[in-house]
Amino acid sequence: MLLNSDRLDWTYIRAFLAVAETGSLTAAAKKIGQSQPTLGRHVKAAEAALGTHLFVRVASGLQLTEAGLLLLEPARDMERAYARMATLAAGHDERLSGTVRITASVVISHYLLPPIIAEIRSSEPDIEIELVPSDTTENLVFREADIAIRMFRPEQLDIVTRKLKEQPLALYAAHDLLLQRGQPKNLKDLAAFPFVGFDRSEIILRQMRKLGFQIDKHYFGVRCDQQAVFWELVRAGCGVGAMQTCIADADPKVRKLSFQPDLPSLPMWLAAHETLHKSPRVKRVWKLLIDHLAPG
């Protein structure tokens, strides 16, 4: 390897890491929000700067060469250092302006946050909001988000957390479905209803088994793992489904079932990196989210 340090740009190392972690240019481009041709050029530029080939093409995509494997951990060290520099710099930005990136589940992002973000923008027009709907865990340490709204308490070091509330769940059905079948009065009545379920996730399946339903996934005539689409299927009358009461109680297309089995509640947490939490714009959005999401 012959290193040309003058040509070694962090952008190229970032591209190298993205391809190494995903195994393809297409997936890597999607991960870091670049076009595939641009990412390909950056990988080639990284190879030129490092003086070696980093990947070899295989049937499944791109595989690290021996040199690529050797350089992977130092590249990750650079990523960690870059993330720490960016976080420290952002934490010392004293302006009540700029961008705050919020990540939340797809359901929370779709049904709960838009009017809240509208009010945040009205209160603080110089603060721009980026919303990342995701049911994966965005990394606050690497600034994939500034603030996360999560249904569990994050356990990462250097993360500030605040519990907002315990969010109840309940069963709902579309008005037309209830007109056809009537309200269930007991567990036996409930068992006769069609349900919308998840496809690959077994969360609903496990909960229904706890209630005494001896079923497999084929009990659900309609299945979808994407939770916003899942809820739209319930709203359209495909079957009964569970939803957070703060969302479903305000939905005119559904009604809460009169018979409700015991369902677990979901804890709702705010989380941010402790350095970013000191930034005025992040602190301000944090407070506004608490004002809107935490019980009075």
C-alpha atoms as a PDB file:
ATOM      1  CA  MET A   1       0.000   0.000   0.000  1.00  0.00           C
ATOM      2  CA  LEU A   2       1.243   3.477  -0.867  1.00  0.00           C
ATOM      3  CA  LEU A   3      -0.682   6.141   1.077  1.00  0.00           C
ATOM      4  CA  ASN A   4      -1.273   9.536  -0.489  1.00  0.00           C
ATOM      5  CA  SER A   5      -2.478  11.415   2.605  1.00  0.00           C
ATOM      6  CA  ASP A   6      -3.178  14.627   0.657  1.00  0.00           C
ATOM      7  CA  ARG A   7      -5.941  12.823  -1.257  1.00  0.00           C
ATOM      8  CA  LEU A   8      -7.437  10.933   1.718  1.00  0.00           C
ATOM      9  CA  ASP A   9     -10.765  12.667   2.334  1.00  0.00           C
ATOM     10  CA  TRP A  10     -13.150  11.626   5.159  1.00  0.00           C
ATOM     11  CA  THR A  11     -15.937  11.377   2.561  1.00  0.00           C
ATOM     12  CA  TYR A  12     -14.018   8.555   0.875  1.00  0.00           C
ATOM     13  CA  ILE A  13     -13.479   6.704   4.161  1.00  0.00           C
ATOM     14  CA  ARG A  14     -17.180   7.046   4.944  1.00  0.00           C
ATOM     15  CA  ALA A  15     -17.995   5.482   1.577  1.00  0.00           C
ATOM     16  CA  PHE A  16     -15.541   2.635   2.258  1.00  0.00           C
ATOM     17  CA  LEU A  17     -17.189   1.926   5.635  1.00  0.00           C
ATOM     18  CA  ALA A  18     -20.704   2.011   4.204  1.00  0.00           C
ATOM     19  CA  VAL A  19     -19.862  -0.529   1.497  1.00  0.00           C
ATOM     20  CA  ALA A  20     -17.918  -2.703   3.956  1.00  0.00           C
ATOM     21  CA  GLU A  21     -20.916  -2.815   6.314  1.00  0.00           C
ATOM     22  CA  THR A  22     -23.616  -3.402   3.682  1.00  0.00           C
ATOM     23  CA  GLY A  23     -21.783  -5.455   1.073  1.00  0.00           C
ATOM     24  CA  SER A  24     -23.036  -3.529  -1.955  1.00  0.00           C
ATOM     25  CA  LEU A  25     -22.951  -0.084  -3.554  1.00  0.00           C
ATOM     26  CA  THR A  26     -26.744   0.062  -3.755  1.00  0.00           C
ATOM     27  CA  ALA A  27     -27.305  -0.641  -0.059  1.00  0.00           C
ATOM     28  CA  ALA A  28     -24.440   1.629   0.977  1.00  0.00           C
ATOM     29  CA  ALA A  29     -25.743   4.522  -1.128  1.00  0.00           C
ATOM     30  CA  LYS A  30     -29.163   4.144   0.478  1.00  0.00           C
ATOM     31  CA  LYS A  31     -27.634   4.024   3.951  1.00  0.00           C
ATOM     32  CA  ILE A  32     -25.725   7.307   3.663  1.00  0.00           C
ATOM     33  CA  GLY A  33     -28.095   9.119   1.313  1.00  0.00           C
ATOM     34  CA  GLN A  34     -25.910   9.352  -1.792  1.00  0.00           C
ATOM     35  CA  SER A  35     -26.392   8.252  -5.360  1.00  0.00           C
ATOM     36  CA  GLN A  36     -24.789   4.960  -6.337  1.00  0.00           C
ATOM     37  CA  PRO A  37     -22.478   6.516  -8.991  1.00  0.00           C
ATOM     38  CA  THR A  38     -21.222   9.119  -6.486  1.00  0.00           C
ATOM     39  CA  LEU A  39     -20.564   6.441  -3.888  1.00  0.00           C
ATOM     40  CA  GLY A  40     -18.736   4.326  -6.458  1.00  0.00           C
ATOM     41  CA  ARG A  41     -16.484   7.283  -7.326  1.00  0.00           C
ATOM     42  CA  HIS A  42     -15.751   7.851  -3.637  1.00  0.00           C
ATOM     43  CA  VAL A  43     -14.736   4.215  -3.146  1.00  0.00           C
ATOM     44  CA  LYS A  44     -12.410   4.424  -6.143  1.00  0.00           C
ATOM     45  CA  ALA A  45     -10.971   7.667  -4.743  1.00  0.00           C
ATOM     46  CA  ALA A  46     -10.378   5.936  -1.395  1.00  0.00           C
ATOM     47  CA  GLU A  47      -8.538   3.118  -3.178  1.00  0.00           C
ATOM     48  CA  ALA A  48      -6.440   5.632  -5.122  1.00  0.00           C
ATOM     49  CA  ALA A  49      -5.552   7.569  -1.960  1.00  0.00           C
ATOM     50  CA  LEU A  50      -4.715   4.395  -0.036  1.00  0.00           C
ATOM     51  CA  GLY A  51      -2.868   2.811  -2.954  1.00  0.00           C
ATOM     52  CA  THR A  52      -4.671  -0.522  -2.801  1.00  0.00           C
ATOM     53  CA  HIS A  53      -7.863  -2.307  -3.793  1.00  0.00           C
ATOM     54  CA  LEU A  54     -10.383  -2.418  -0.948  1.00  0.00           C
ATOM     55  CA  PHE A  55     -13.041  -4.671  -2.482  1.00  0.00           C
ATOM     56  CA  VAL A  56     -13.388  -7.579  -4.847  1.00  0.00           C
ATOM     57  CA  ARG A  57     -16.639  -8.309  -6.662  1.00  0.00           C
ATOM     58  CA  VAL A  58     -18.360 -11.588  -5.733  1.00  0.00           C
ATOM     59  CA  ALA A  59     -21.746 -13.092  -6.615  1.00  0.00           C
ATOM     60  CA  SER A  60     -23.441 -11.508  -3.591  1.00  0.00           C
ATOM     61  CA  GLY A  61     -21.943  -8.036  -4.097  1.00  0.00           C
ATOM     62  CA  LEU A  62     -18.644  -6.606  -2.887  1.00  0.00           C
ATOM     63  CA  GLN A  63     -16.284  -8.328  -0.470  1.00  0.00           C
ATOM     64  CA  LEU A  64     -13.355  -6.810   1.406  1.00  0.00           C
ATOM     65  CA  THR A  65      -9.885  -7.656   0.150  1.00  0.00           C
ATOM     66  CA  GLU A  66      -7.132  -8.559   2.606  1.00  0.00           C
ATOM     67  CA  ALA A  67      -6.053  -4.912   2.584  1.00  0.00           C
ATOM     68  CA  GLY A  68      -9.645  -3.791   3.095  1.00  0.00           C
ATOM     69  CA  LEU A  69      -9.965  -6.037   6.146  1.00  0.00           C
ATOM     70  CA  LEU A  70      -6.700  -4.650   7.524  1.00  0.00           C
ATOM     71  CA  LEU A  71      -7.926  -1.055   7.133  1.00  0.00           C
ATOM     72  CA  LEU A  72     -11.469  -1.601   8.398  1.00  0.00           C
ATOM     73  CA  GLU A  73     -10.820  -1.064  12.123  1.00  0.00           C
ATOM     74  CA  PRO A  74      -8.641   2.062  11.621  1.00  0.00           C
ATOM     75  CA  ALA A  75     -11.452   3.448   9.427  1.00  0.00           C
ATOM     76  CA  ARG A  76     -13.925   2.782  12.225  1.00  0.00           C
ATOM     77  CA  ASP A  77     -11.604   4.605  14.622  1.00  0.00           C
ATOM     78  CA  MET A  78     -11.729   7.580  12.233  1.00  0.00           C
ATOM     79  CA  GLU A  79     -15.535   7.368  12.176  1.00  0.00           C
ATOM     80  CA  ARG A  80     -15.694   7.443  15.977  1.00  0.00           C
ATOM     81  CA  ALA A  81     -13.274  10.382  16.135  1.00  0.00           C
ATOM     82  CA  TYR A  82     -15.215  12.272  13.453  1.00  0.00           C
ATOM     83  CA  ALA A  83     -18.512  11.658  15.272  1.00  0.00           C
ATOM     84  CA  ARG A  84     -17.033  12.869  18.556  1.00  0.00           C
ATOM     85  CA  MET A  85     -15.680  16.048  16.921  1.00  0.00           C
ATOM     86  CA  ALA A  86     -19.043  16.760  15.286  1.00  0.00           C
ATOM     87  CA  THR A  87     -20.924  16.145  18.536  1.00  0.00           C
ATOM     88  CA  LEU A  88     -18.613  18.347  20.609  1.00  0.00           C
ATOM     89  CA  ALA A  89     -18.795  21.134  18.035  1.00  0.00           C
ATOM     90  CA  ALA A  90     -22.590  20.945  17.843  1.00  0.00           C
ATOM     91  CA  GLY A  91     -22.843  20.933  21.636  1.00  0.00           C
ATOM     92  CA  HIS A  92     -20.995  24.273  21.793  1.00  0.00           C
ATOM     93  CA  ASP A  93     -23.141  25.979  19.159  1.00  0.00           C
ATOM     94  CA  GLU A  94     -24.919  28.693  21.132  1.00  0.00           C
ATOM     95  CA  ARG A  95     -27.390  29.701  18.433  1.00  0.00           C
ATOM     96  CA  LEU A  96     -31.105  29.027  18.853  1.00  0.00           C
ATOM     97  CA  SER A  97     -31.177  28.122  15.164  1.00  0.00           C
ATOM     98  CA  GLY A  98     -30.034  25.394  12.828  1.00  0.00           C
ATOM     99  CA  THR A  99     -31.191  21.810  12.323  1.00  0.00           C
ATOM    100  CA  VAL A 100     -32.433  19.294  14.884  1.00  0.00           C
ATOM    101  CA  ARG A 101     -32.790  15.729  13.635  1.00  0.00           C
ATOM    102  CA  ILE A 102     -35.477  13.676  15.394  1.00  0.00           C
ATOM    103  CA  THR A 103     -35.965   9.948  14.994  1.00  0.00           C
ATOM    104  CA  ALA A 104     -39.067   8.058  16.096  1.00  0.00           C
ATOM    105  CA  SER A 105     -40.966   4.925  15.157  1.00  0.00           C
ATOM    106  CA  VAL A 106     -42.894   4.962  11.888  1.00  0.00           C
ATOM    107  CA  VAL A 107     -46.235   5.083  13.749  1.00  0.00           C
ATOM    108  CA  ILE A 108     -45.208   7.941  16.059  1.00  0.00           C
ATOM    109  CA  SER A 109     -43.676   9.819  13.112  1.00  0.00           C
ATOM    110  CA  HIS A 110     -46.742   9.344  10.926  1.00  0.00           C
ATOM    111  CA  TYR A 111     -49.630   9.869  13.335  1.00  0.00           C
ATOM    112  CA  LEU A 112     -48.366  11.807  16.351  1.00  0.00           C
ATOM    113  CA  LEU A 113     -45.448  14.075  15.484  1.00  0.00           C
ATOM    114  CA  PRO A 114     -46.570  16.150  12.443  1.00  0.00           C
ATOM    115  CA  PRO A 115     -48.841  18.579  14.374  1.00  0.00           C
ATOM    116  CA  ILE A 116     -46.260  18.777  17.173  1.00  0.00           C
ATOM    117  CA  ILE A 117     -43.505  19.626  14.690  1.00  0.00           C
ATOM    118  CA  ALA A 118     -45.783  22.270  13.139  1.00  0.00           C
ATOM    119  CA  GLU A 119     -46.116  23.905  16.567  1.00  0.00           C
ATOM    120  CA  ILE A 120     -42.368  23.671  17.190  1.00  0.00           C
ATOM    121  CA  ARG A 121     -41.738  25.411  13.878  1.00  0.00           C
ATOM    122  CA  SER A 122     -44.312  28.062  14.760  1.00  0.00           C
ATOM    123  CA  SER A 123     -42.625  28.703  18.104  1.00  0.00           C
ATOM    124  CA  GLU A 124     -39.058  28.509  16.770  1.00  0.00           C
ATOM    125  CA  PRO A 125     -39.026  29.322  13.027  1.00  0.00           C
ATOM    126  CA  ASP A 126     -35.216  29.481  12.941  1.00  0.00           C
ATOM    127  CA  ILE A 127     -34.929  25.834  14.010  1.00  0.00           C
ATOM    128  CA  GLU A 128     -35.240  23.364  11.128  1.00  0.00           C
ATOM    129  CA  ILE A 129     -36.535  19.858  11.866  1.00  0.00           C
ATOM    130  CA  GLU A 130     -35.458  16.669  10.118  1.00  0.00           C
ATOM    131  CA  LEU A 131     -37.738  13.735  10.951  1.00  0.00           C
ATOM    132  CA  VAL A 132     -36.397  10.196  10.544  1.00  0.00           C
ATOM    133  CA  PRO A 133     -39.247   7.626  10.714  1.00  0.00           C
ATOM    134  CA  SER A 134     -37.551   4.374  11.615  1.00  0.00           C
ATOM    135  CA  ASP A 135     -38.305   1.196  13.539  1.00  0.00           C
ATOM    136  CA  THR A 136     -34.576   0.497  13.773  1.00  0.00           C
ATOM    137  CA  THR A 137     -32.340   1.960  16.477  1.00  0.00           C
ATOM    138  CA  GLU A 138     -30.667   5.100  15.155  1.00  0.00           C
ATOM    139  CA  ASN A 139     -27.247   5.727  16.694  1.00  0.00           C
ATOM    140  CA  LEU A 140     -27.176   8.905  18.768  1.00  0.00           C
ATOM    141  CA  VAL A 141     -23.424   8.600  19.336  1.00  0.00           C
ATOM    142  CA  PHE A 142     -22.742   8.808  15.593  1.00  0.00           C
ATOM    143  CA  ARG A 143     -25.281  11.633  15.148  1.00  0.00           C
ATOM    144  CA  GLU A 144     -27.685   9.667  12.996  1.00  0.00           C
ATOM    145  CA  ALA A 145     -30.182  11.657  15.079  1.00  0.00           C
ATOM    146  CA  ASP A 146     -29.997  14.436  17.673  1.00  0.00           C
ATOM    147  CA  ILE A 147     -33.107  13.384  19.616  1.00  0.00           C
ATOM    148  CA  ALA A 148     -34.731   9.952  19.667  1.00  0.00           C
ATOM    149  CA  ILE A 149     -38.254   9.059  20.784  1.00  0.00           C
ATOM    150  CA  ARG A 150     -38.137   5.421  21.794  1.00  0.00           C
ATOM    151  CA  MET A 151     -40.437   2.836  23.332  1.00  0.00           C
ATOM    152  CA  PHE A 152     -37.650   1.581  25.592  1.00  0.00           C
ATOM    153  CA  ARG A 153     -34.992   3.200  27.762  1.00  0.00           C
ATOM    154  CA  PRO A 154     -31.709   3.542  25.842  1.00  0.00           C
ATOM    155  CA  GLU A 155     -28.774   2.027  27.703  1.00  0.00           C
ATOM    156  CA  GLN A 156     -25.891   3.617  25.772  1.00  0.00           C
ATOM    157  CA  LEU A 157     -23.270   5.536  27.730  1.00  0.00           C
ATOM    158  CA  ASP A 158     -23.229   9.339  27.345  1.00  0.00           C
ATOM    159  CA  ILE A 159     -26.966   9.428  26.568  1.00  0.00           C
ATOM    160  CA  VAL A 160     -29.411  11.676  28.453  1.00  0.00           C
ATOM    161  CA  THR A 161     -32.878  10.152  28.839  1.00  0.00           C
ATOM    162  CA  ARG A 162     -36.265  11.343  30.041  1.00  0.00           C
ATOM    163  CA  LYS A 163     -39.291   9.111  30.498  1.00  0.00           C
ATOM    164  CA  LEU A 164     -42.343  10.818  29.035  1.00  0.00           C
ATOM    165  CA  LYS A 165     -45.128   8.408  29.984  1.00  0.00           C
ATOM    166  CA  GLU A 166     -46.515   4.912  29.906  1.00  0.00           C
ATOM    167  CA  GLN A 167     -48.562   4.745  26.717  1.00  0.00           C
ATOM    168  CA  PRO A 168     -51.607   2.425  26.927  1.00  0.00           C
ATOM    169  CA  LEU A 169     -52.536   0.086  24.087  1.00  0.00           C
ATOM    170  CA  ALA A 170     -56.072  -0.992  23.208  1.00  0.00           C
ATOM    171  CA  LEU A 171     -57.887  -2.969  20.509  1.00  0.00           C
ATOM    172  CA  TYR A 172     -59.778  -1.129  17.775  1.00  0.00           C
ATOM    173  CA  ALA A 173     -61.824  -1.933  14.696  1.00  0.00           C
ATOM    174  CA  ALA A 174     -63.304   0.054  11.824  1.00  0.00           C
ATOM    175  CA  HIS A 175     -66.917   1.239  12.167  1.00  0.00           C
ATOM    176  CA  ASP A 176     -68.153  -0.936   9.283  1.00  0.00           C
ATOM    177  CA  LEU A 177     -66.652  -4.076  10.813  1.00  0.00           C
ATOM    178  CA  LEU A 178     -68.377  -3.367  14.121  1.00  0.00           C
ATOM    179  CA  LEU A 179     -71.681  -2.691  12.349  1.00  0.00           C
ATOM    180  CA  GLN A 180     -71.427  -6.125  10.736  1.00  0.00           C
ATOM    181  CA  ARG A 181     -70.434  -8.056  13.846  1.00  0.00           C
ATOM    182  CA  GLY A 182     -71.400  -5.958  16.854  1.00  0.00           C
ATOM    183  CA  GLN A 183     -69.185  -5.207  19.828  1.00  0.00           C
ATOM    184  CA  PRO A 184     -67.533  -8.239  21.471  1.00  0.00           C
ATOM    185  CA  LYS A 185     -68.688  -8.912  25.023  1.00  0.00           C
ATOM    186  CA  ASN A 186     -66.044 -11.450  26.049  1.00  0.00           C
ATOM    187  CA  LEU A 187     -62.940 -13.306  24.910  1.00  0.00           C
ATOM    188  CA  LYS A 188     -65.010 -15.856  22.982  1.00  0.00           C
ATOM    189  CA  ASP A 189     -66.721 -13.070  20.990  1.00  0.00           C
ATOM    190  CA  LEU A 190     -63.346 -11.462  20.364  1.00  0.00           C
ATOM    191  CA  ALA A 191     -61.902 -14.730  19.023  1.00  0.00           C
ATOM    192  CA  ALA A 192     -64.569 -14.755  16.289  1.00  0.00           C
ATOM    193  CA  PHE A 193     -63.335 -11.437  14.858  1.00  0.00           C
ATOM    194  CA  PRO A 194     -60.812 -11.198  12.022  1.00  0.00           C
ATOM    195  CA  PHE A 195     -57.489  -9.724  13.122  1.00  0.00           C
ATOM    196  CA  VAL A 196     -54.729  -7.887  11.299  1.00  0.00           C
ATOM    197  CA  GLY A 197     -51.354  -9.338  12.309  1.00  0.00           C
ATOM    198  CA  PHE A 198     -47.671  -8.933  11.681  1.00  0.00           C
ATOM    199  CA  ASP A 199     -45.915 -10.984   8.999  1.00  0.00           C
ATOM    200  CA  ARG A 200     -42.445 -11.894  10.276  1.00  0.00           C
ATOM    201  CA  SER A 201     -42.592 -10.305  13.704  1.00  0.00           C
ATOM    202  CA  GLU A 202     -44.162 -12.522  16.367  1.00  0.00           C
ATOM    203  CA  ILE A 203     -44.993  -9.749  18.867  1.00  0.00           C
ATOM    204  CA  ILE A 204     -48.769  -9.886  18.314  1.00  0.00           C
ATOM    205  CA  LEU A 205     -48.744 -13.670  18.061  1.00  0.00           C
ATOM    206  CA  ARG A 206     -46.986 -14.050  21.418  1.00  0.00           C
ATOM    207  CA  GLN A 207     -49.342 -11.600  23.125  1.00  0.00           C
ATOM    208  CA  MET A 208     -52.454 -13.370  21.815  1.00  0.00           C
ATOM    209  CA  ARG A 209     -51.105 -16.717  22.962  1.00  0.00           C
ATOM    210  CA  LYS A 210     -50.725 -15.222  26.451  1.00  0.00           C
ATOM    211  CA  LEU A 211     -54.436 -14.363  26.278  1.00  0.00           C
ATOM    212  CA  GLY A 212     -55.267 -18.007  25.539  1.00  0.00           C
ATOM    213  CA  PHE A 213     -55.461 -17.967  21.730  1.00  0.00           C
ATOM    214  CA  GLN A 214     -53.816 -21.170  20.473  1.00  0.00           C
ATOM    215  CA  ILE A 215     -52.936 -19.833  17.028  1.00  0.00           C
ATOM    216  CA  ASP A 216     -50.203 -19.476  14.433  1.00  0.00           C
ATOM    217  CA  LYS A 217     -49.663 -16.612  11.999  1.00  0.00           C
ATOM    218  CA  HIS A 218     -52.290 -17.984   9.578  1.00  0.00           C
ATOM    219  CA  TYR A 219     -54.940 -16.923  12.072  1.00  0.00           C
ATOM    220  CA  PHE A 220     -54.341 -13.415  10.701  1.00  0.00           C
ATOM    221  CA  GLY A 221     -56.017 -13.167   7.305  1.00  0.00           C
ATOM    222  CA  VAL A 222     -54.051  -9.959   6.617  1.00  0.00           C
ATOM    223  CA  ARG A 223     -50.462  -9.453   7.768  1.00  0.00           C
ATOM    224  CA  CYS A 224     -47.991  -6.572   7.529  1.00  0.00           C
ATOM    225  CA  ASP A 225     -44.870  -5.742   9.558  1.00  0.00           C
ATOM    226  CA  GLN A 226     -44.785  -2.060   8.570  1.00  0.00           C
ATOM    227  CA  GLN A 227     -46.734  -0.593  11.451  1.00  0.00           C
ATOM    228  CA  ALA A 228     -48.208   2.485   9.772  1.00  0.00           C
ATOM    229  CA  VAL A 229     -49.549   0.279   6.961  1.00  0.00           C
ATOM    230  CA  PHE A 230     -50.737  -2.215   9.601  1.00  0.00           C
ATOM    231  CA  TRP A 231     -52.848   0.544  11.150  1.00  0.00           C
ATOM    232  CA  GLU A 232     -54.224   1.623   7.765  1.00  0.00           C
ATOM    233  CA  LEU A 233     -55.380  -1.977   7.227  1.00  0.00           C
ATOM    234  CA  VAL A 234     -57.225  -1.840  10.556  1.00  0.00           C
ATOM    235  CA  ARG A 235     -58.785   1.503   9.607  1.00  0.00           C
ATOM    236  CA  ALA A 236     -59.908   0.038   6.270  1.00  0.00           C
ATOM    237  CA  GLY A 237     -61.829  -2.763   8.005  1.00  0.00           C
ATOM    238  CA  CYS A 238     -59.459  -5.695   7.427  1.00  0.00           C
ATOM    239  CA  GLY A 239     -59.643  -6.715  11.073  1.00  0.00           C
ATOM    240  CA  VAL A 240     -59.056  -5.842  14.703  1.00  0.00           C
ATOM    241  CA  GLY A 241     -55.706  -4.360  15.662  1.00  0.00           C
ATOM    242  CA  ALA A 242     -53.931  -2.830  18.645  1.00  0.00           C
ATOM    243  CA  MET A 243     -52.804   0.789  18.673  1.00  0.00           C
ATOM    244  CA  GLN A 244     -51.624   3.382  21.167  1.00  0.00           C
ATOM    245  CA  THR A 245     -54.677   5.073  22.622  1.00  0.00           C
ATOM    246  CA  CYS A 246     -53.246   8.592  22.107  1.00  0.00           C
ATOM    247  CA  ILE A 247     -53.370   7.914  18.359  1.00  0.00           C
ATOM    248  CA  ALA A 248     -56.420   5.701  17.937  1.00  0.00           C
ATOM    249  CA  ASP A 249     -58.823   7.519  20.279  1.00  0.00           C
ATOM    250  CA  ALA A 250     -58.565  10.572  18.015  1.00  0.00           C
ATOM    251  CA  ASP A 251     -59.151   8.556  14.821  1.00  0.00           C
ATOM    252  CA  PRO A 252     -62.719   8.960  13.481  1.00  0.00           C
ATOM    253  CA  LYS A 253     -62.487   5.795  11.351  1.00  0.00           C
ATOM    254  CA  VAL A 254     -62.183   3.352  14.256  1.00  0.00           C
ATOM    255  CA  ARG A 255     -63.810   2.577  17.587  1.00  0.00           C
ATOM    256  CA  LYS A 256     -62.311   1.034  20.683  1.00  0.00           C
ATOM    257  CA  LEU A 257     -63.695  -2.432  21.379  1.00  0.00           C
ATOM    258  CA  SER A 258     -65.994  -2.580  24.392  1.00  0.00           C
ATOM    259  CA  PHE A 259     -64.255  -5.754  25.580  1.00  0.00           C
ATOM    260  CA  GLN A 260     -60.556  -5.175  26.205  1.00  0.00           C
ATOM    261  CA  PRO A 261     -58.129  -7.904  27.303  1.00  0.00           C
ATOM    262  CA  ASP A 262     -55.154  -6.852  29.401  1.00  0.00           C
ATOM    263  CA  LEU A 263     -52.513  -5.422  27.082  1.00  0.00           C
ATOM    264  CA  PRO A 264     -49.080  -4.135  28.093  1.00  0.00           C
ATOM    265  CA  SER A 265     -48.400  -0.412  27.951  1.00  0.00           C
ATOM    266  CA  LEU A 266     -45.472   1.059  26.034  1.00  0.00           C
ATOM    267  CA  PRO A 267     -42.988   3.308  27.841  1.00  0.00           C
ATOM    268  CA  MET A 268     -42.117   6.428  25.842  1.00  0.00           C
ATOM    269  CA  TRP A 269     -38.627   7.901  26.282  1.00  0.00           C
ATOM    270  CA  LEU A 270     -36.707  10.875  24.948  1.00  0.00           C
ATOM    271  CA  ALA A 271     -32.978  10.389  24.413  1.00  0.00           C
ATOM    272  CA  ALA A 272     -30.107  12.579  23.236  1.00  0.00           C
ATOM    273  CA  HIS A 273     -26.325  12.549  23.432  1.00  0.00           C
ATOM    274  CA  GLU A 274     -25.303  14.405  26.606  1.00  0.00           C
ATOM    275  CA  THR A 275     -23.098  16.869  24.683  1.00  0.00           C
ATOM    276  CA  LEU A 276     -25.776  17.694  22.120  1.00  0.00           C
ATOM    277  CA  HIS A 277     -28.363  17.998  24.879  1.00  0.00           C
ATOM    278  CA  LYS A 278     -26.514  21.134  26.029  1.00  0.00           C
ATOM    279  CA  SER A 279     -26.946  22.779  22.626  1.00  0.00           C
ATOM    280  CA  PRO A 280     -29.584  25.535  22.862  1.00  0.00           C
ATOM    281  CA  ARG A 281     -31.523  24.403  19.799  1.00  0.00           C
ATOM    282  CA  VAL A 282     -31.570  20.743  20.876  1.00  0.00           C
ATOM    283  CA  LYS A 283     -32.459  21.697  24.447  1.00  0.00           C
ATOM    284  CA  ARG A 284     -35.310  23.895  23.160  1.00  0.00           C
ATOM    285  CA  VAL A 285     -36.783  21.158  20.916  1.00  0.00           C
ATOM    286  CA  TRP A 286     -36.336  18.648  23.759  1.00  0.00           C
ATOM    287  CA  LYS A 287     -38.415  20.885  26.059  1.00  0.00           C
ATOM    288  CA  LEU A 288     -41.120  21.430  23.440  1.00  0.00           C
ATOM    289  CA  LEU A 289     -41.392  17.680  22.852  1.00  0.00           C
ATOM    290  CA  ILE A 290     -41.804  17.153  26.591  1.00  0.00           C
ATOM    291  CA  ASP A 291     -44.492  19.855  26.698  1.00  0.00           C
ATOM    292  CA  HIS A 292     -46.480  18.093  23.985  1.00  0.00           C
ATOM    293  CA  LEU A 293     -45.847  14.431  24.795  1.00  0.00           C
ATOM    294  CA  ALA A 294     -45.563  14.208  28.574  1.00  0.00           C
ATOM    295  CA  PRO A 295     -48.759  14.224  30.660  1.00  0.00           C
ATOM    296  CA  GLY A 296     -49.475  17.501  32.383  1.00  0.00           C
END
